[in-house]
């Protein structure tokens, strides 16, 4: 359908002998439009979301309630360079990579209201 629209906008060019040839510009315009759509609807929102998540992980501190990617709820006991030590029960701690930890939704909402 996009091809038909572009063909209407850019009619075929005429050769010296009067025959019609399809414009090469329509191909390039269509490729640019596809790239722009991918960028604004897929790439840009994903990179923005990743930056926000990375910022959130950098701001996590001792005492924050978190959830691991595996679904384990706990509280941060210690912050290390690439990992968190999380308390999940009394006298039970685990070491988890920073990439697999998210703030607990209930705790995040409570801190936003303050």
C-alpha atoms as a PDB file:
ATOM      1  CA  UNK A   1       0.000   0.000   0.000  1.00  0.00           C
ATOM      2  CA  UNK A   2       2.850   2.386   0.875  1.00  0.00           C
ATOM      3  CA  UNK A   3       4.374   1.624  -2.493  1.00  0.00           C
ATOM      4  CA  UNK A   4       1.185   2.754  -4.271  1.00  0.00           C
ATOM      5  CA  UNK A   5       1.135   5.989  -2.277  1.00  0.00           C
ATOM      6  CA  UNK A   6       4.746   6.694  -3.142  1.00  0.00           C
ATOM      7  CA  UNK A   7       4.101   5.930  -6.806  1.00  0.00           C
ATOM      8  CA  UNK A   8       1.265   8.459  -6.787  1.00  0.00           C
ATOM      9  CA  UNK A   9       3.505  11.089  -5.201  1.00  0.00           C
ATOM     10  CA  UNK A  10       6.405  10.437  -7.552  1.00  0.00           C
ATOM     11  CA  UNK A  11       5.108   9.493 -10.987  1.00  0.00           C
ATOM     12  CA  UNK A  12       7.248   7.340 -13.239  1.00  0.00           C
ATOM     13  CA  UNK A  13       9.890   9.190 -15.224  1.00  0.00           C
ATOM     14  CA  UNK A  14       9.740   9.142 -18.996  1.00  0.00           C
ATOM     15  CA  UNK A  15      12.650   7.820 -21.044  1.00  0.00           C
ATOM     16  CA  UNK A  16      13.856   9.567 -24.194  1.00  0.00           C
ATOM     17  CA  UNK A  17      11.794   7.165 -26.320  1.00  0.00           C
ATOM     18  CA  UNK A  18       8.585   7.947 -24.382  1.00  0.00           C
ATOM     19  CA  UNK A  19       8.376   4.713 -22.331  1.00  0.00           C
ATOM     20  CA  UNK A  20       7.745   4.960 -18.597  1.00  0.00           C
ATOM     21  CA  UNK A  21      10.243   3.763 -15.946  1.00  0.00           C
ATOM     22  CA  UNK A  22       9.642   3.601 -12.234  1.00  0.00           C
ATOM     23  CA  UNK A  23      11.365   6.261 -10.151  1.00  0.00           C
ATOM     24  CA  UNK A  24      14.302   5.071  -8.025  1.00  0.00           C
ATOM     25  CA  UNK A  25      13.452   7.677  -5.416  1.00  0.00           C
ATOM     26  CA  UNK A  26      10.416   5.752  -4.262  1.00  0.00           C
ATOM     27  CA  UNK A  27      12.612   2.871  -3.061  1.00  0.00           C
ATOM     28  CA  UNK A  28      14.866   5.150  -0.998  1.00  0.00           C
ATOM     29  CA  UNK A  29      11.996   7.128   0.443  1.00  0.00           C
ATOM     30  CA  UNK A  30      10.248   3.919   1.491  1.00  0.00           C
ATOM     31  CA  UNK A  31      13.422   2.598   3.139  1.00  0.00           C
ATOM     32  CA  UNK A  32      13.904   5.867   5.047  1.00  0.00           C
ATOM     33  CA  UNK A  33      10.275   5.842   6.194  1.00  0.00           C
ATOM     34  CA  UNK A  34      10.626   2.260   7.435  1.00  0.00           C
ATOM     35  CA  UNK A  35      13.771   3.161   9.382  1.00  0.00           C
ATOM     36  CA  UNK A  36      12.082   6.231  10.931  1.00  0.00           C
ATOM     37  CA  UNK A  37       9.080   4.132  12.005  1.00  0.00           C
ATOM     38  CA  UNK A  38      11.332   1.464  13.544  1.00  0.00           C
ATOM     39  CA  UNK A  39      13.361   4.100  15.355  1.00  0.00           C
ATOM     40  CA  UNK A  40      10.446   6.007  16.896  1.00  0.00           C
ATOM     41  CA  UNK A  41       8.235   3.013  17.715  1.00  0.00           C
ATOM     42  CA  UNK A  42      10.781   0.359  18.701  1.00  0.00           C
ATOM     43  CA  UNK A  43      14.378   1.479  19.225  1.00  0.00           C
ATOM     44  CA  UNK A  44      13.908   4.814  21.016  1.00  0.00           C
ATOM     45  CA  UNK A  45      11.353   3.638  23.616  1.00  0.00           C
ATOM     46  CA  UNK A  46      13.438   0.552  24.420  1.00  0.00           C
ATOM     47  CA  UNK A  47      16.660   2.509  24.963  1.00  0.00           C
ATOM     48  CA  UNK A  48      14.773   5.039  27.102  1.00  0.00           C
ATOM     49  CA  UNK A  49      13.356   2.225  29.237  1.00  0.00           C
ATOM     50  CA  UNK A  50      16.796   0.625  29.631  1.00  0.00           C
ATOM     51  CA  UNK A  51      18.335   3.928  30.758  1.00  0.00           C
ATOM     52  CA  UNK A  52      15.588   4.438  33.356  1.00  0.00           C
ATOM     53  CA  UNK A  53      16.048   0.893  34.679  1.00  0.00           C
ATOM     54  CA  UNK A  54      19.835   1.321  34.880  1.00  0.00           C
ATOM     55  CA  UNK A  55      19.399   4.619  36.758  1.00  0.00           C
ATOM     56  CA  UNK A  56      16.947   2.951  39.138  1.00  0.00           C
ATOM     57  CA  UNK A  57      19.432   0.135  39.856  1.00  0.00           C
ATOM     58  CA  UNK A  58      22.232   2.612  40.524  1.00  0.00           C
ATOM     59  CA  UNK A  59      20.036   4.429  43.064  1.00  0.00           C
ATOM     60  CA  UNK A  60      19.151   1.260  45.016  1.00  0.00           C
ATOM     61  CA  UNK A  61      20.493   1.300  48.552  1.00  0.00           C
ATOM     62  CA  UNK A  62      20.544  -0.745  51.721  1.00  0.00           C
ATOM     63  CA  UNK A  63      17.028  -1.347  53.042  1.00  0.00           C
ATOM     64  CA  UNK A  64      15.190  -1.165  49.688  1.00  0.00           C
ATOM     65  CA  UNK A  65      12.668  -3.920  49.055  1.00  0.00           C
ATOM     66  CA  UNK A  66      13.361  -5.683  45.764  1.00  0.00           C
ATOM     67  CA  UNK A  67      12.247  -8.549  43.554  1.00  0.00           C
ATOM     68  CA  UNK A  68      14.684 -10.704  41.596  1.00  0.00           C
ATOM     69  CA  UNK A  69      14.091 -11.833  38.019  1.00  0.00           C
ATOM     70  CA  UNK A  70      13.320 -15.265  39.461  1.00  0.00           C
ATOM     71  CA  UNK A  71      10.511 -13.852  41.601  1.00  0.00           C
ATOM     72  CA  UNK A  72      12.253 -13.854  44.977  1.00  0.00           C
ATOM     73  CA  UNK A  73      11.234 -10.982  47.262  1.00  0.00           C
ATOM     74  CA  UNK A  74      13.751  -9.571  49.688  1.00  0.00           C
ATOM     75  CA  UNK A  75      15.489  -6.566  51.166  1.00  0.00           C
ATOM     76  CA  UNK A  76      18.917  -5.276  50.196  1.00  0.00           C
ATOM     77  CA  UNK A  77      21.410  -5.942  52.974  1.00  0.00           C
ATOM     78  CA  UNK A  78      24.580  -4.856  51.157  1.00  0.00           C
ATOM     79  CA  UNK A  79      25.438  -3.164  47.860  1.00  0.00           C
ATOM     80  CA  UNK A  80      28.501  -4.417  45.992  1.00  0.00           C
ATOM     81  CA  UNK A  81      30.002  -3.319  42.685  1.00  0.00           C
ATOM     82  CA  UNK A  82      28.120  -5.793  40.459  1.00  0.00           C
ATOM     83  CA  UNK A  83      25.797  -7.508  42.911  1.00  0.00           C
ATOM     84  CA  UNK A  84      23.454  -7.123  45.836  1.00  0.00           C
ATOM     85  CA  UNK A  85      23.363  -9.186  49.017  1.00  0.00           C
ATOM     86  CA  UNK A  86      19.647  -9.686  49.651  1.00  0.00           C
ATOM     87  CA  UNK A  87      17.960 -10.930  52.818  1.00  0.00           C
ATOM     88  CA  UNK A  88      15.005 -13.143  51.883  1.00  0.00           C
ATOM     89  CA  UNK A  89      14.207 -14.549  55.329  1.00  0.00           C
ATOM     90  CA  UNK A  90      15.603 -14.333  58.833  1.00  0.00           C
ATOM     91  CA  UNK A  91      19.308 -15.272  58.627  1.00  0.00           C
ATOM     92  CA  UNK A  92      18.968 -16.214  54.923  1.00  0.00           C
ATOM     93  CA  UNK A  93      20.899 -14.085  52.434  1.00  0.00           C
ATOM     94  CA  UNK A  94      21.643 -14.519  48.747  1.00  0.00           C
ATOM     95  CA  UNK A  95      23.997 -12.766  46.363  1.00  0.00           C
ATOM     96  CA  UNK A  96      22.258 -11.606  43.169  1.00  0.00           C
ATOM     97  CA  UNK A  97      23.554  -9.809  40.085  1.00  0.00           C
ATOM     98  CA  UNK A  98      22.430  -6.184  39.790  1.00  0.00           C
ATOM     99  CA  UNK A  99      21.039  -6.913  36.327  1.00  0.00           C
ATOM    100  CA  UNK A 100      18.416  -9.268  37.718  1.00  0.00           C
ATOM    101  CA  UNK A 101      16.986  -7.072  40.499  1.00  0.00           C
ATOM    102  CA  UNK A 102      13.992  -4.733  40.316  1.00  0.00           C
ATOM    103  CA  UNK A 103      12.401  -2.499  42.921  1.00  0.00           C
ATOM    104  CA  UNK A 104       9.320  -4.017  44.524  1.00  0.00           C
ATOM    105  CA  UNK A 105       6.293  -2.258  42.988  1.00  0.00           C
ATOM    106  CA  UNK A 106       4.599  -1.681  46.363  1.00  0.00           C
ATOM    107  CA  UNK A 107       7.795  -0.238  47.845  1.00  0.00           C
ATOM    108  CA  UNK A 108       8.356   1.984  44.793  1.00  0.00           C
ATOM    109  CA  UNK A 109       4.846   3.426  45.033  1.00  0.00           C
ATOM    110  CA  UNK A 110       5.259   4.111  48.746  1.00  0.00           C
ATOM    111  CA  UNK A 111       8.523   5.977  48.185  1.00  0.00           C
ATOM    112  CA  UNK A 112       6.954   8.079  45.373  1.00  0.00           C
ATOM    113  CA  UNK A 113       4.138   9.226  47.673  1.00  0.00           C
ATOM    114  CA  UNK A 114       6.584  10.551  50.277  1.00  0.00           C
END
